[in-house]
């Protein structure tokens, strides 16, 4: 009997997980405890306990200002937490700079893409590879020490451009690409690090509807390949389509977790999105 794919195991295990904030997962890959970030008198993030299941697609949702992107920034080393600890496969990451977090296996994309517009697509891709011998001063003086690796990096980059339907843009400047193509390029470049976890910040924002289905397919394929995917998204149709698990934030805190159907019926989630309007309607209906 063939072995189950990792994502199949993740989907089979999650239905037994309690739909409540801070719930324990059968195979957590990323765990955060008491993570806090304040900006003056404003608490942007105050996460008591949060686990992300390995090989699953987890959506992180919430109203504007809920702290979703700030949490991404903290976990990936792009911002500094005021308190708390988090780990990747039990390896502590608090205080670890972003480039080292990427080398340890966790990468992220941005709502506003960071493609280098004056470099070609292939050069953007090659830049994403880690551990390049040619980046070291003395090794750079000896082409024999890095030429073979450079060829292998280019081969991998071309394969990923082909996978993300960007091969025809290989030698075009990234600045000439559409918003959707830059999203695809950034996702492909992230895979050059060969990560375990990929975090996508609003991958559908600003994308032409014609490319939306393509992006969704690529995200699903990441999980099919055994990666752990965590993404921020406002489009609930997207969340319903691709997520195995949903985490909801409001005012910096995790207020709910669970499969999409359970989240849709959660009163705390409804209140977070509709606020006083929902409370007033509820009162009127009960009167």
Protein backbone atom coordinates (compact mmCIF):
# COMPACT_ATOMS: atom_id res chain seq x y z
CA UNK A 1 0.00 0.00 0.00
CA UNK A 2 1.55 3.39 -1.01
CA UNK A 3 2.47 5.87 1.72
CA UNK A 4 0.06 8.74 2.27
CA UNK A 5 1.15 12.17 1.05
CA UNK A 6 1.92 14.56 3.96
CA UNK A 7 -0.98 16.87 3.10
CA UNK A 8 -3.43 13.95 3.17
CA UNK A 9 -2.24 13.05 6.67
CA UNK A 10 -2.67 16.69 7.73
CA UNK A 11 -6.22 16.87 6.41
CA UNK A 12 -7.14 13.57 8.06
CA UNK A 13 -5.71 14.66 11.42
CA UNK A 14 -7.24 18.14 11.63
CA UNK A 15 -10.90 17.10 11.86
CA UNK A 16 -10.19 15.73 15.35
CA UNK A 17 -8.66 19.00 16.56
CA UNK A 18 -10.72 21.13 18.94
CA UNK A 19 -12.15 24.22 17.23
CA UNK A 20 -10.95 26.67 19.90
CA UNK A 21 -8.16 29.27 20.27
CA UNK A 22 -4.79 27.74 21.07
CA UNK A 23 -5.84 24.19 20.21
CA UNK A 24 -3.11 21.54 20.13
CA UNK A 25 -2.31 20.08 16.72
CA UNK A 26 -1.21 16.48 16.04
CA UNK A 27 1.99 17.58 14.27
CA UNK A 28 2.74 21.26 14.95
CA UNK A 29 5.61 22.71 12.93
CA UNK A 30 5.38 26.33 14.13
CA UNK A 31 4.41 27.16 17.71
CA UNK A 32 4.07 30.63 19.28
CA UNK A 33 3.69 31.43 22.99
CA UNK A 34 2.85 34.79 24.60
CA UNK A 35 3.98 36.78 21.57
CA UNK A 36 3.31 40.50 22.04
CA UNK A 37 4.05 43.65 20.06
CA UNK A 38 3.08 47.16 21.14
CA UNK A 39 3.24 50.44 19.25
CA UNK A 40 3.00 53.14 21.88
CA UNK A 41 -0.27 52.51 23.71
CA UNK A 42 -1.60 50.22 21.00
CA UNK A 43 -1.32 46.44 21.32
CA UNK A 44 -0.84 45.16 17.77
CA UNK A 45 -0.26 41.50 18.69
CA UNK A 46 -1.04 39.60 21.89
CA UNK A 47 -1.04 35.89 21.01
CA UNK A 48 -1.16 33.59 24.03
CA UNK A 49 -0.66 30.24 22.25
CA UNK A 50 -0.88 29.26 18.61
CA UNK A 51 0.12 26.11 16.75
CA UNK A 52 0.30 25.58 12.99
CA UNK A 53 -0.14 22.06 11.67
CA UNK A 54 2.62 20.70 9.44
CA UNK A 55 1.74 20.05 5.78
CA UNK A 56 -1.62 21.83 6.08
CA UNK A 57 -2.91 25.05 4.52
CA UNK A 58 -3.84 27.45 7.33
CA UNK A 59 -5.67 30.72 6.63
CA UNK A 60 -5.09 33.66 8.98
CA UNK A 61 -8.06 36.01 8.77
CA UNK A 62 -9.51 38.96 10.66
CA UNK A 63 -10.71 42.54 10.23
CA UNK A 64 -8.32 45.27 9.09
CA UNK A 65 -5.89 46.09 11.90
CA UNK A 66 -6.31 42.69 13.56
CA UNK A 67 -2.52 42.15 13.68
CA UNK A 68 -2.18 39.49 10.97
CA UNK A 69 0.70 41.04 9.01
CA UNK A 70 2.41 42.17 12.21
CA UNK A 71 2.33 38.56 13.45
CA UNK A 72 3.84 37.44 10.12
CA UNK A 73 6.57 40.07 10.53
CA UNK A 74 7.38 38.88 14.06
CA UNK A 75 7.48 35.19 13.25
CA UNK A 76 9.73 35.72 10.21
CA UNK A 77 12.16 38.16 11.81
CA UNK A 78 11.06 41.31 9.97
CA UNK A 79 9.99 42.93 13.25
CA UNK A 80 11.02 42.50 16.89
CA UNK A 81 8.56 41.25 19.50
CA UNK A 82 8.30 42.94 22.88
CA UNK A 83 7.75 39.56 24.52
CA UNK A 84 7.19 35.89 23.78
CA UNK A 85 8.80 32.90 22.12
CA UNK A 86 8.16 30.88 18.98
CA UNK A 87 9.84 27.92 17.36
CA UNK A 88 10.10 26.05 14.08
CA UNK A 89 10.26 22.29 14.69
CA UNK A 90 11.20 23.15 18.32
CA UNK A 91 14.09 25.38 17.19
CA UNK A 92 13.71 28.81 18.89
CA UNK A 93 13.34 31.72 16.46
CA UNK A 94 12.84 34.73 18.77
CA UNK A 95 15.55 37.24 17.95
CA UNK A 96 16.69 35.37 14.84
CA UNK A 97 17.11 37.75 11.84
CA UNK A 98 14.94 37.24 8.79
CA UNK A 99 17.67 35.90 6.51
CA UNK A 100 18.52 33.18 9.02
CA UNK A 101 14.84 32.32 9.48
CA UNK A 102 14.71 31.74 5.71
CA UNK A 103 17.79 29.52 5.86
CA UNK A 104 16.18 27.51 8.65
CA UNK A 105 13.22 26.71 6.40
CA UNK A 106 10.56 29.42 6.79
CA UNK A 107 10.03 32.05 4.09
CA UNK A 108 7.35 34.61 3.39
CA UNK A 109 5.97 36.76 0.61
CA UNK A 110 4.54 40.25 0.92
CA UNK A 111 1.25 41.95 0.12
CA UNK A 112 3.23 44.46 -1.94
CA UNK A 113 5.61 42.29 -3.94
CA UNK A 114 9.35 42.65 -3.44
CA UNK A 115 10.46 41.59 -6.90
CA UNK A 116 13.58 43.52 -7.95
CA UNK A 117 12.17 45.42 -10.91
CA UNK A 118 15.49 46.15 -12.63
CA UNK A 119 16.58 42.52 -12.63
CA UNK A 120 15.28 39.89 -15.02
CA UNK A 121 12.99 37.11 -13.83
CA UNK A 122 15.81 34.55 -13.95
CA UNK A 123 18.15 36.82 -11.97
CA UNK A 124 15.43 37.39 -9.35
CA UNK A 125 15.12 33.63 -9.05
CA UNK A 126 18.85 32.96 -8.75
CA UNK A 127 19.12 35.63 -6.08
CA UNK A 128 16.77 33.58 -3.90
CA UNK A 129 19.06 30.56 -3.68
CA UNK A 130 20.91 30.20 -0.39
CA UNK A 131 24.46 29.03 0.38
CA UNK A 132 25.95 30.28 -2.89
CA UNK A 133 29.72 29.78 -2.95
CA UNK A 134 30.20 32.68 -5.34
CA UNK A 135 28.94 35.11 -2.69
CA UNK A 136 32.06 34.48 -0.60
CA UNK A 137 34.97 36.79 -1.39
CA UNK A 138 37.76 34.26 -1.80
CA UNK A 139 35.58 31.63 -3.47
CA UNK A 140 34.40 34.24 -5.97
CA UNK A 141 38.02 34.54 -7.19
CA UNK A 142 38.04 30.83 -8.08
CA UNK A 143 35.30 30.10 -10.64
CA UNK A 144 35.92 26.37 -10.39
CA UNK A 145 34.50 26.51 -6.86
CA UNK A 146 31.13 27.96 -7.85
CA UNK A 147 30.49 27.37 -11.57
CA UNK A 148 28.89 23.94 -11.12
CA UNK A 149 26.67 25.21 -8.30
CA UNK A 150 25.68 28.21 -10.44
CA UNK A 151 24.54 25.89 -13.23
CA UNK A 152 22.48 23.82 -10.79
CA UNK A 153 20.87 26.96 -9.33
CA UNK A 154 19.96 28.16 -12.83
CA UNK A 155 18.50 24.75 -13.68
CA UNK A 156 16.30 24.87 -10.56
CA UNK A 157 15.28 28.45 -11.32
CA UNK A 158 14.26 27.57 -14.87
CA UNK A 159 12.25 24.59 -13.63
CA UNK A 160 10.35 26.80 -11.19
CA UNK A 161 9.70 29.47 -13.82
CA UNK A 162 8.26 26.72 -16.00
CA UNK A 163 6.12 25.42 -13.13
CA UNK A 164 4.69 28.89 -12.45
CA UNK A 165 4.05 29.60 -16.14
CA UNK A 166 6.70 32.30 -16.29
CA UNK A 167 9.23 30.68 -18.61
CA UNK A 168 8.28 33.11 -21.39
CA UNK A 169 9.24 36.00 -19.06
CA UNK A 170 12.63 34.48 -18.16
CA UNK A 171 14.75 37.28 -19.59
CA UNK A 172 12.28 40.12 -19.10
CA UNK A 173 12.71 42.69 -16.35
CA UNK A 174 10.48 42.04 -13.34
CA UNK A 175 9.28 45.64 -13.57
CA UNK A 176 7.53 44.84 -16.87
CA UNK A 177 5.42 42.07 -15.32
CA UNK A 178 1.80 42.39 -14.26
CA UNK A 179 0.88 42.37 -10.57
CA UNK A 180 -0.20 38.74 -10.78
CA UNK A 181 2.99 37.69 -12.54
CA UNK A 182 5.07 39.40 -9.85
CA UNK A 183 3.09 37.47 -7.21
CA UNK A 184 3.93 34.25 -9.04
CA UNK A 185 7.58 35.27 -9.36
CA UNK A 186 7.83 36.05 -5.65
CA UNK A 187 6.26 32.69 -4.77
CA UNK A 188 8.62 30.87 -7.14
CA UNK A 189 11.64 32.75 -5.77
CA UNK A 190 10.66 31.80 -2.21
CA UNK A 191 10.83 28.14 -3.23
CA UNK A 192 14.48 28.60 -4.27
CA UNK A 193 15.31 28.39 -0.55
CA UNK A 194 13.71 24.90 -0.42
CA UNK A 195 11.58 25.83 2.62
CA UNK A 196 9.40 23.74 4.93
CA UNK A 197 7.01 26.61 5.66
CA UNK A 198 5.87 29.31 3.23
CA UNK A 199 3.87 32.28 4.53
CA UNK A 200 1.85 34.26 1.98
CA UNK A 201 0.62 37.74 2.88
CA UNK A 202 -2.57 38.41 0.87
CA UNK A 203 -1.45 36.48 -2.21
CA UNK A 204 -4.59 37.48 -4.14
CA UNK A 205 -4.38 41.24 -3.47
CA UNK A 206 -4.19 43.22 -6.69
CA UNK A 207 -4.26 40.13 -8.88
CA UNK A 208 -6.15 40.14 -12.17
CA UNK A 209 -9.13 37.75 -11.87
CA UNK A 210 -7.75 35.84 -14.85
CA UNK A 211 -4.74 34.81 -12.75
CA UNK A 212 -6.63 34.09 -9.51
CA UNK A 213 -7.40 30.46 -10.33
CA UNK A 214 -3.81 29.92 -11.42
CA UNK A 215 -2.52 31.27 -8.10
CA UNK A 216 -4.98 29.13 -6.15
CA UNK A 217 -3.81 26.06 -8.03
CA UNK A 218 -0.18 26.83 -7.27
CA UNK A 219 -0.91 27.28 -3.55
CA UNK A 220 -2.71 23.94 -3.41
CA UNK A 221 0.25 22.36 -5.23
CA UNK A 222 2.62 23.63 -2.54
CA UNK A 223 0.70 21.61 0.07
CA UNK A 224 0.56 18.65 -2.29
CA UNK A 225 4.37 18.78 -2.32
CA UNK A 226 4.44 18.53 1.48
CA UNK A 227 5.02 22.19 2.37
CA UNK A 228 3.24 23.93 5.22
CA UNK A 229 1.31 26.94 3.89
CA UNK A 230 0.11 29.83 6.07
CA UNK A 231 -1.63 32.70 4.34
CA UNK A 232 -3.38 35.97 5.16
CA UNK A 233 -6.49 36.58 3.08
CA UNK A 234 -9.65 38.71 3.11
CA UNK A 235 -11.49 36.89 0.34
CA UNK A 236 -13.63 34.30 2.10
CA UNK A 237 -14.23 32.40 -1.12
CA UNK A 238 -10.48 31.86 -1.36
CA UNK A 239 -10.31 30.80 2.30
CA UNK A 240 -13.16 28.34 1.80
CA UNK A 241 -11.59 26.93 -1.35
CA UNK A 242 -8.06 26.13 -0.19
CA UNK A 243 -7.74 26.20 3.61
CA UNK A 244 -7.62 23.12 5.83
CA UNK A 245 -7.79 25.23 8.99
CA UNK A 246 -8.67 28.84 9.78
CA UNK A 247 -7.23 31.06 12.53
CA UNK A 248 -9.11 34.30 13.29
CA UNK A 249 -7.48 37.37 14.85
CA UNK A 250 -9.09 40.54 16.20
CA UNK A 251 -7.37 43.37 18.07
CA UNK A 252 -4.13 41.39 18.10
CA UNK A 253 -5.55 38.26 19.71
CA UNK A 254 -6.57 34.86 18.39
CA UNK A 255 -10.31 34.73 18.96
CA UNK A 256 -11.18 31.53 17.08
CA UNK A 257 -9.75 28.51 15.27
CA UNK A 258 -11.31 25.70 13.32
CA UNK A 259 -12.40 24.45 9.92
CA UNK A 260 -14.08 27.02 7.71
CA UNK A 261 -17.64 25.87 8.41
CA UNK A 262 -17.19 26.14 12.19
CA UNK A 263 -15.61 29.60 11.87
CA UNK A 264 -18.58 30.84 9.85
CA UNK A 265 -20.93 29.98 12.73
CA UNK A 266 -18.72 31.39 15.51
CA UNK A 267 -20.37 34.32 17.33
CA UNK A 268 -17.00 35.84 18.33
CA UNK A 269 -15.96 35.93 14.67
CA UNK A 270 -19.26 37.43 13.56
CA UNK A 271 -18.98 40.12 16.24
CA UNK A 272 -15.37 40.89 15.24
CA UNK A 273 -16.41 41.52 11.64
CA UNK A 274 -19.81 43.16 12.23
CA UNK A 275 -19.32 44.63 15.72
CA UNK A 276 -22.07 46.72 17.20
CA UNK A 277 -24.24 46.33 14.09
CA UNK A 278 -24.44 42.58 14.71
CA UNK A 279 -25.08 43.10 18.42
CA UNK A 280 -27.94 45.50 17.64
CA UNK A 281 -29.48 43.16 15.10
CA UNK A 282 -29.21 40.24 17.52
CA UNK A 283 -30.95 42.27 20.22
CA UNK A 284 -33.74 43.31 17.85
CA UNK A 285 -34.27 39.75 16.64
CA UNK A 286 -34.54 38.53 20.21
CA UNK A 287 -36.93 41.29 21.26
